[in-house]
Amino acid sequence: MNVMINGSAREVADGMTVAQAVRTLTAATTGVAVAVNDEVVMRSAWETTALSDRDRVEVLTAVQGG
C-alpha cells in the first residue's frame, strides 16, 4: 500500500503500524510525536494503530540546541 510519510510517498507492507513506520525513520525512543491524517496518535496506541492506503503520516522528533 502507499502512504505519505513526512511528505514522501512510500510503499509499505499492508497492516504496517504507526510504531513500525516510526522505526523506519528514527531510532529515537523519546521526543517523538506522530500524527496520522492530521490527528495525533498517542504513543500508547502506536503498536495497535494500523495504517491504511493513502494515509498521511507526520513523524516529528524533538531536537536540542541553541
PDB file of N, CA and C in Angstrom:
ATOM      1  N   MET A   1       0.846  -1.170   0.000  1.00  0.00           N
ATOM      2  CA  MET A   1       0.000   0.000   0.000  1.00  0.00           C
ATOM      3  C   MET A   1       0.892   1.233   0.000  1.00  0.00           C
ATOM      4  N   ASN A   2       0.337   2.367  -0.367  1.00  0.00           N
ATOM      5  CA  ASN A   2       1.083   3.614  -0.443  1.00  0.00           C
ATOM      6  C   ASN A   2       0.638   4.565   0.660  1.00  0.00           C
ATOM      7  N   VAL A   3       1.607   5.137   1.354  1.00  0.00           N
ATOM      8  CA  VAL A   3       1.337   6.154   2.366  1.00  0.00           C
ATOM      9  C   VAL A   3       2.321   7.302   2.156  1.00  0.00           C
ATOM     10  N   MET A   4       1.972   8.448   2.696  1.00  0.00           N
ATOM     11  CA  MET A   4       2.878   9.594   2.692  1.00  0.00           C
ATOM     12  C   MET A   4       3.467   9.686   4.089  1.00  0.00           C
ATOM     13  N   ILE A   5       4.786   9.635   4.193  1.00  0.00           N
ATOM     14  CA  ILE A   5       5.451   9.788   5.481  1.00  0.00           C
ATOM     15  C   ILE A   5       6.346  11.010   5.401  1.00  0.00           C
ATOM     16  N   ASN A   6       6.034  12.001   6.210  1.00  0.00           N
ATOM     17  CA  ASN A   6       6.763  13.270   6.208  1.00  0.00           C
ATOM     18  C   ASN A   6       6.873  13.850   4.797  1.00  0.00           C
ATOM     19  N   GLY A   7       5.790  13.751   4.049  1.00  0.00           N
ATOM     20  CA  GLY A   7       5.723  14.361   2.735  1.00  0.00           C
ATOM     21  C   GLY A   7       6.290  13.542   1.602  1.00  0.00           C
ATOM     22  N   SER A   8       6.809  12.349   1.889  1.00  0.00           N
ATOM     23  CA  SER A   8       7.370  11.482   0.850  1.00  0.00           C
ATOM     24  C   SER A   8       6.510  10.247   0.671  1.00  0.00           C
ATOM     25  N   ALA A   9       6.205   9.928  -0.574  1.00  0.00           N
ATOM     26  CA  ALA A   9       5.420   8.729  -0.862  1.00  0.00           C
ATOM     27  C   ALA A   9       6.278   7.497  -0.591  1.00  0.00           C
ATOM     28  N   ARG A  10       5.666   6.534   0.081  1.00  0.00           N
ATOM     29  CA  ARG A  10       6.373   5.292   0.391  1.00  0.00           C
ATOM     30  C   ARG A  10       5.451   4.105   0.172  1.00  0.00           C
ATOM     31  N   GLU A  11       6.025   3.045  -0.334  1.00  0.00           N
ATOM     32  CA  GLU A  11       5.329   1.769  -0.463  1.00  0.00           C
ATOM     33  C   GLU A  11       5.636   0.981   0.805  1.00  0.00           C
ATOM     34  N   VAL A  12       4.609   0.598   1.533  1.00  0.00           N
ATOM     35  CA  VAL A  12       4.798  -0.130   2.792  1.00  0.00           C
ATOM     36  C   VAL A  12       3.935  -1.379   2.784  1.00  0.00           C
ATOM     37  N   ALA A  13       4.253  -2.282   3.688  1.00  0.00           N
ATOM     38  CA  ALA A  13       3.503  -3.535   3.792  1.00  0.00           C
ATOM     39  C   ALA A  13       2.098  -3.268   4.316  1.00  0.00           C
ATOM     40  N   ASP A  14       1.143  -4.039   3.821  1.00  0.00           N
ATOM     41  CA  ASP A  14      -0.219  -3.950   4.346  1.00  0.00           C
ATOM     42  C   ASP A  14      -0.195  -4.207   5.842  1.00  0.00           C
ATOM     43  N   GLY A  15      -0.962  -3.436   6.591  1.00  0.00           N
ATOM     44  CA  GLY A  15      -1.062  -3.632   8.024  1.00  0.00           C
ATOM     45  C   GLY A  15       0.059  -3.014   8.833  1.00  0.00           C
ATOM     46  N   MET A  16       0.947  -2.245   8.178  1.00  0.00           N
ATOM     47  CA  MET A  16       2.021  -1.595   8.930  1.00  0.00           C
ATOM     48  C   MET A  16       1.424  -0.733  10.028  1.00  0.00           C
ATOM     49  N   THR A  17       2.029  -0.792  11.210  1.00  0.00           N
ATOM     50  CA  THR A  17       1.541   0.008  12.329  1.00  0.00           C
ATOM     51  C   THR A  17       2.296   1.334  12.394  1.00  0.00           C
ATOM     52  N   VAL A  18       1.748   2.243  13.170  1.00  0.00           N
ATOM     53  CA  VAL A  18       2.418   3.523  13.395  1.00  0.00           C
ATOM     54  C   VAL A  18       3.806   3.270  13.991  1.00  0.00           C
ATOM     55  N   ALA A  19       3.909   2.354  14.941  1.00  0.00           N
ATOM     56  CA  ALA A  19       5.201   2.048  15.566  1.00  0.00           C
ATOM     57  C   ALA A  19       6.223   1.591  14.528  1.00  0.00           C
ATOM     58  N   GLN A  20       5.819   0.748  13.607  1.00  0.00           N
ATOM     59  CA  GLN A  20       6.728   0.276  12.567  1.00  0.00           C
ATOM     60  C   GLN A  20       7.151   1.422  11.659  1.00  0.00           C
ATOM     61  N   ALA A  21       6.232   2.312  11.332  1.00  0.00           N
ATOM     62  CA  ALA A  21       6.563   3.461  10.491  1.00  0.00           C
ATOM     63  C   ALA A  21       7.574   4.363  11.189  1.00  0.00           C
ATOM     64  N   VAL A  22       7.382   4.578  12.475  1.00  0.00           N
ATOM     65  CA  VAL A  22       8.319   5.416  13.229  1.00  0.00           C
ATOM     66  C   VAL A  22       9.705   4.796  13.202  1.00  0.00           C
ATOM     67  N   ARG A  23       9.786   3.487  13.395  1.00  0.00           N
ATOM     68  CA  ARG A  23      11.094   2.815  13.423  1.00  0.00           C
ATOM     69  C   ARG A  23      11.815   2.890  12.082  1.00  0.00           C
ATOM     70  N   THR A  24      11.078   3.090  10.982  1.00  0.00           N
ATOM     71  CA  THR A  24      11.750   3.224   9.688  1.00  0.00           C
ATOM     72  C   THR A  24      12.437   4.579   9.554  1.00  0.00           C
ATOM     73  N   LEU A  25      12.041   5.542  10.382  1.00  0.00           N
ATOM     74  CA  LEU A  25      12.577   6.895  10.281  1.00  0.00           C
ATOM     75  C   LEU A  25      13.575   7.261  11.354  1.00  0.00           C
ATOM     76  N   THR A  26      13.409   6.725  12.550  1.00  0.00           N
ATOM     77  CA  THR A  26      14.263   7.136  13.657  1.00  0.00           C
ATOM     78  C   THR A  26      14.432   6.014  14.661  1.00  0.00           C
ATOM     79  N   ALA A  27      15.592   6.002  15.290  1.00  0.00           N
ATOM     80  CA  ALA A  27      15.845   5.053  16.369  1.00  0.00           C
ATOM     81  C   ALA A  27      15.532   5.678  17.721  1.00  0.00           C
ATOM     82  N   ALA A  28      15.144   6.949  17.703  1.00  0.00           N
ATOM     83  CA  ALA A  28      14.838   7.658  18.950  1.00  0.00           C
ATOM     84  C   ALA A  28      13.679   6.984  19.673  1.00  0.00           C
ATOM     85  N   THR A  29      13.807   6.881  20.982  1.00  0.00           N
ATOM     86  CA  THR A  29      12.742   6.270  21.773  1.00  0.00           C
ATOM     87  C   THR A  29      11.986   7.308  22.594  1.00  0.00           C
ATOM     88  N   THR A  30      12.482   8.521  22.634  1.00  0.00           N
ATOM     89  CA  THR A  30      11.798   9.610  23.330  1.00  0.00           C
ATOM     90  C   THR A  30      11.806  10.839  22.433  1.00  0.00           C
ATOM     91  N   GLY A  31      10.935  11.782  22.748  1.00  0.00           N
ATOM     92  CA  GLY A  31      10.897  13.018  21.983  1.00  0.00           C
ATOM     93  C   GLY A  31      10.318  12.873  20.591  1.00  0.00           C
ATOM     94  N   VAL A  32       9.454  11.882  20.398  1.00  0.00           N
ATOM     95  CA  VAL A  32       8.860  11.632  19.090  1.00  0.00           C
ATOM     96  C   VAL A  32       7.343  11.791  19.196  1.00  0.00           C
ATOM     97  N   ALA A  33       6.757  12.475  18.221  1.00  0.00           N
ATOM     98  CA  ALA A  33       5.303  12.629  18.143  1.00  0.00           C
ATOM     99  C   ALA A  33       4.853  12.223  16.742  1.00  0.00           C
ATOM    100  N   VAL A  34       3.638  11.679  16.654  1.00  0.00           N
ATOM    101  CA  VAL A  34       3.123  11.200  15.377  1.00  0.00           C
ATOM    102  C   VAL A  34       1.689  11.673  15.174  1.00  0.00           C
ATOM    103  N   ALA A  35       1.399  12.086  13.940  1.00  0.00           N
ATOM    104  CA  ALA A  35       0.035  12.392  13.538  1.00  0.00           C
ATOM    105  C   ALA A  35      -0.277  11.595  12.276  1.00  0.00           C
ATOM    106  N   VAL A  36      -1.462  11.049  12.213  1.00  0.00           N
ATOM    107  CA  VAL A  36      -1.935  10.346  11.022  1.00  0.00           C
ATOM    108  C   VAL A  36      -3.173  11.087  10.540  1.00  0.00           C
ATOM    109  N   ASN A  37      -3.098  11.559   9.313  1.00  0.00           N
ATOM    110  CA  ASN A  37      -4.198  12.327   8.725  1.00  0.00           C
ATOM    111  C   ASN A  37      -4.598  13.498   9.633  1.00  0.00           C
ATOM    112  N   ASP A  38      -3.587  14.198  10.124  1.00  0.00           N
ATOM    113  CA  ASP A  38      -3.746  15.402  10.952  1.00  0.00           C
ATOM    114  C   ASP A  38      -4.301  15.138  12.348  1.00  0.00           C
ATOM    115  N   GLU A  39      -4.340  13.892  12.791  1.00  0.00           N
ATOM    116  CA  GLU A  39      -4.794  13.542  14.133  1.00  0.00           C
ATOM    117  C   GLU A  39      -3.621  12.938  14.904  1.00  0.00           C
ATOM    118  N   VAL A  40      -3.317  13.508  16.061  1.00  0.00           N
ATOM    119  CA  VAL A  40      -2.226  12.988  16.881  1.00  0.00           C
ATOM    120  C   VAL A  40      -2.576  11.582  17.355  1.00  0.00           C
ATOM    121  N   VAL A  41      -1.582  10.691  17.270  1.00  0.00           N
ATOM    122  CA  VAL A  41      -1.749   9.321  17.756  1.00  0.00           C
ATOM    123  C   VAL A  41      -0.948   9.204  19.048  1.00  0.00           C
ATOM    124  N   MET A  42      -1.625   8.887  20.125  1.00  0.00           N
ATOM    125  CA  MET A  42      -0.967   8.723  21.419  1.00  0.00           C
ATOM    126  C   MET A  42       0.043   7.578  21.347  1.00  0.00           C
ATOM    127  N   ARG A  43       1.180   7.749  21.999  1.00  0.00           N
ATOM    128  CA  ARG A  43       2.228   6.721  21.970  1.00  0.00           C
ATOM    129  C   ARG A  43       1.684   5.358  22.403  1.00  0.00           C
ATOM    130  N   SER A  44       0.776   5.333  23.343  1.00  0.00           N
ATOM    131  CA  SER A  44       0.229   4.063  23.825  1.00  0.00           C
ATOM    132  C   SER A  44      -0.553   3.314  22.743  1.00  0.00           C
ATOM    133  N   ALA A  45      -0.915   3.996  21.660  1.00  0.00           N
ATOM    134  CA  ALA A  45      -1.683   3.371  20.575  1.00  0.00           C
ATOM    135  C   ALA A  45      -0.834   3.062  19.335  1.00  0.00           C
ATOM    136  N   TRP A  46       0.443   3.396  19.358  1.00  0.00           N
ATOM    137  CA  TRP A  46       1.277   3.189  18.171  1.00  0.00           C
ATOM    138  C   TRP A  46       1.313   1.741  17.711  1.00  0.00           C
ATOM    139  N   GLU A  47       1.460   0.810  18.641  1.00  0.00           N
ATOM    140  CA  GLU A  47       1.600  -0.610  18.281  1.00  0.00           C
ATOM    141  C   GLU A  47       0.312  -1.197  17.716  1.00  0.00           C
ATOM    142  N   THR A  48      -0.820  -0.606  18.050  1.00  0.00           N
ATOM    143  CA  THR A  48      -2.103  -1.174  17.625  1.00  0.00           C
ATOM    144  C   THR A  48      -2.802  -0.356  16.544  1.00  0.00           C
ATOM    145  N   THR A  49      -2.205   0.757  16.145  1.00  0.00           N
ATOM    146  CA  THR A  49      -2.815   1.597  15.110  1.00  0.00           C
ATOM    147  C   THR A  49      -2.220   1.234  13.758  1.00  0.00           C
ATOM    148  N   ALA A  50      -3.022   0.577  12.934  1.00  0.00           N
ATOM    149  CA  ALA A  50      -2.568   0.174  11.601  1.00  0.00           C
ATOM    150  C   ALA A  50      -2.796   1.315  10.614  1.00  0.00           C
ATOM    151  N   LEU A  51      -1.873   1.448   9.698  1.00  0.00           N
ATOM    152  CA  LEU A  51      -2.017   2.451   8.640  1.00  0.00           C
ATOM    153  C   LEU A  51      -2.870   1.888   7.520  1.00  0.00           C
ATOM    154  N   SER A  52      -3.503   2.781   6.794  1.00  0.00           N
ATOM    155  CA  SER A  52      -4.318   2.408   5.637  1.00  0.00           C
ATOM    156  C   SER A  52      -3.738   3.046   4.389  1.00  0.00           C
ATOM    157  N   ASP A  53      -4.099   2.498   3.244  1.00  0.00           N
ATOM    158  CA  ASP A  53      -3.639   3.039   1.973  1.00  0.00           C
ATOM    159  C   ASP A  53      -3.951   4.535   1.899  1.00  0.00           C
ATOM    160  N   ARG A  54      -2.976   5.294   1.486  1.00  0.00           N
ATOM    161  CA  ARG A  54      -3.069   6.745   1.284  1.00  0.00           C
ATOM    162  C   ARG A  54      -3.124   7.569   2.568  1.00  0.00           C
ATOM    163  N   ASP A  55      -2.816   6.966   3.706  1.00  0.00           N
ATOM    164  CA  ASP A  55      -2.720   7.748   4.934  1.00  0.00           C
ATOM    165  C   ASP A  55      -1.563   8.744   4.812  1.00  0.00           C
ATOM    166  N   ARG A  56      -1.684   9.847   5.536  1.00  0.00           N
ATOM    167  CA  ARG A  56      -0.624  10.852   5.629  1.00  0.00           C
ATOM    168  C   ARG A  56      -0.069  10.808   7.046  1.00  0.00           C
ATOM    169  N   VAL A  57       1.192  10.461   7.166  1.00  0.00           N
ATOM    170  CA  VAL A  57       1.835  10.297   8.462  1.00  0.00           C
ATOM    171  C   VAL A  57       2.904  11.372   8.624  1.00  0.00           C
ATOM    172  N   GLU A  58       2.877  12.051   9.764  1.00  0.00           N
ATOM    173  CA  GLU A  58       3.904  13.018  10.106  1.00  0.00           C
ATOM    174  C   GLU A  58       4.585  12.536  11.371  1.00  0.00           C
ATOM    175  N   VAL A  59       5.907  12.358  11.303  1.00  0.00           N
ATOM    176  CA  VAL A  59       6.699  11.950  12.451  1.00  0.00           C
ATOM    177  C   VAL A  59       7.620  13.101  12.797  1.00  0.00           C
ATOM    178  N   LEU A  60       7.475  13.606  14.015  1.00  0.00           N
ATOM    179  CA  LEU A  60       8.267  14.741  14.464  1.00  0.00           C
ATOM    180  C   LEU A  60       9.160  14.319  15.608  1.00  0.00           C
ATOM    181  N   THR A  61      10.421  14.747  15.569  1.00  0.00           N
ATOM    182  CA  THR A  61      11.331  14.461  16.655  1.00  0.00           C
ATOM    183  C   THR A  61      11.837  15.772  17.247  1.00  0.00           C
ATOM    184  N   ALA A  62      11.925  15.786  18.567  1.00  0.00           N
ATOM    185  CA  ALA A  62      12.431  16.971  19.258  1.00  0.00           C
ATOM    186  C   ALA A  62      13.950  17.031  19.097  1.00  0.00           C
ATOM    187  N   VAL A  63      14.453  18.241  18.953  1.00  0.00           N
ATOM    188  CA  VAL A  63      15.899  18.442  18.871  1.00  0.00           C
ATOM    189  C   VAL A  63      16.309  19.494  19.897  1.00  0.00           C
ATOM    190  N   GLN A  64      17.505  19.334  20.396  1.00  0.00           N
ATOM    191  CA  GLN A  64      18.049  20.271  21.350  1.00  0.00           C
ATOM    192  C   GLN A  64      19.075  21.143  20.666  1.00  0.00           C
ATOM    193  N   GLY A  65      19.311  22.252  21.249  1.00  0.00           N
ATOM    194  CA  GLY A  65      20.357  23.109  20.720  1.00  0.00           C
ATOM    195  C   GLY A  65      19.940  24.555  20.828  1.00  0.00           C
ATOM    196  N   GLY A  66      20.808  25.400  20.393  1.00  0.00           N
ATOM    197  CA  GLY A  66      20.504  26.803  20.541  1.00  0.00           C
ATOM    198  C   GLY A  66      21.052  27.631  19.484  1.00  0.00           C
TER     199      GLY A  66
END
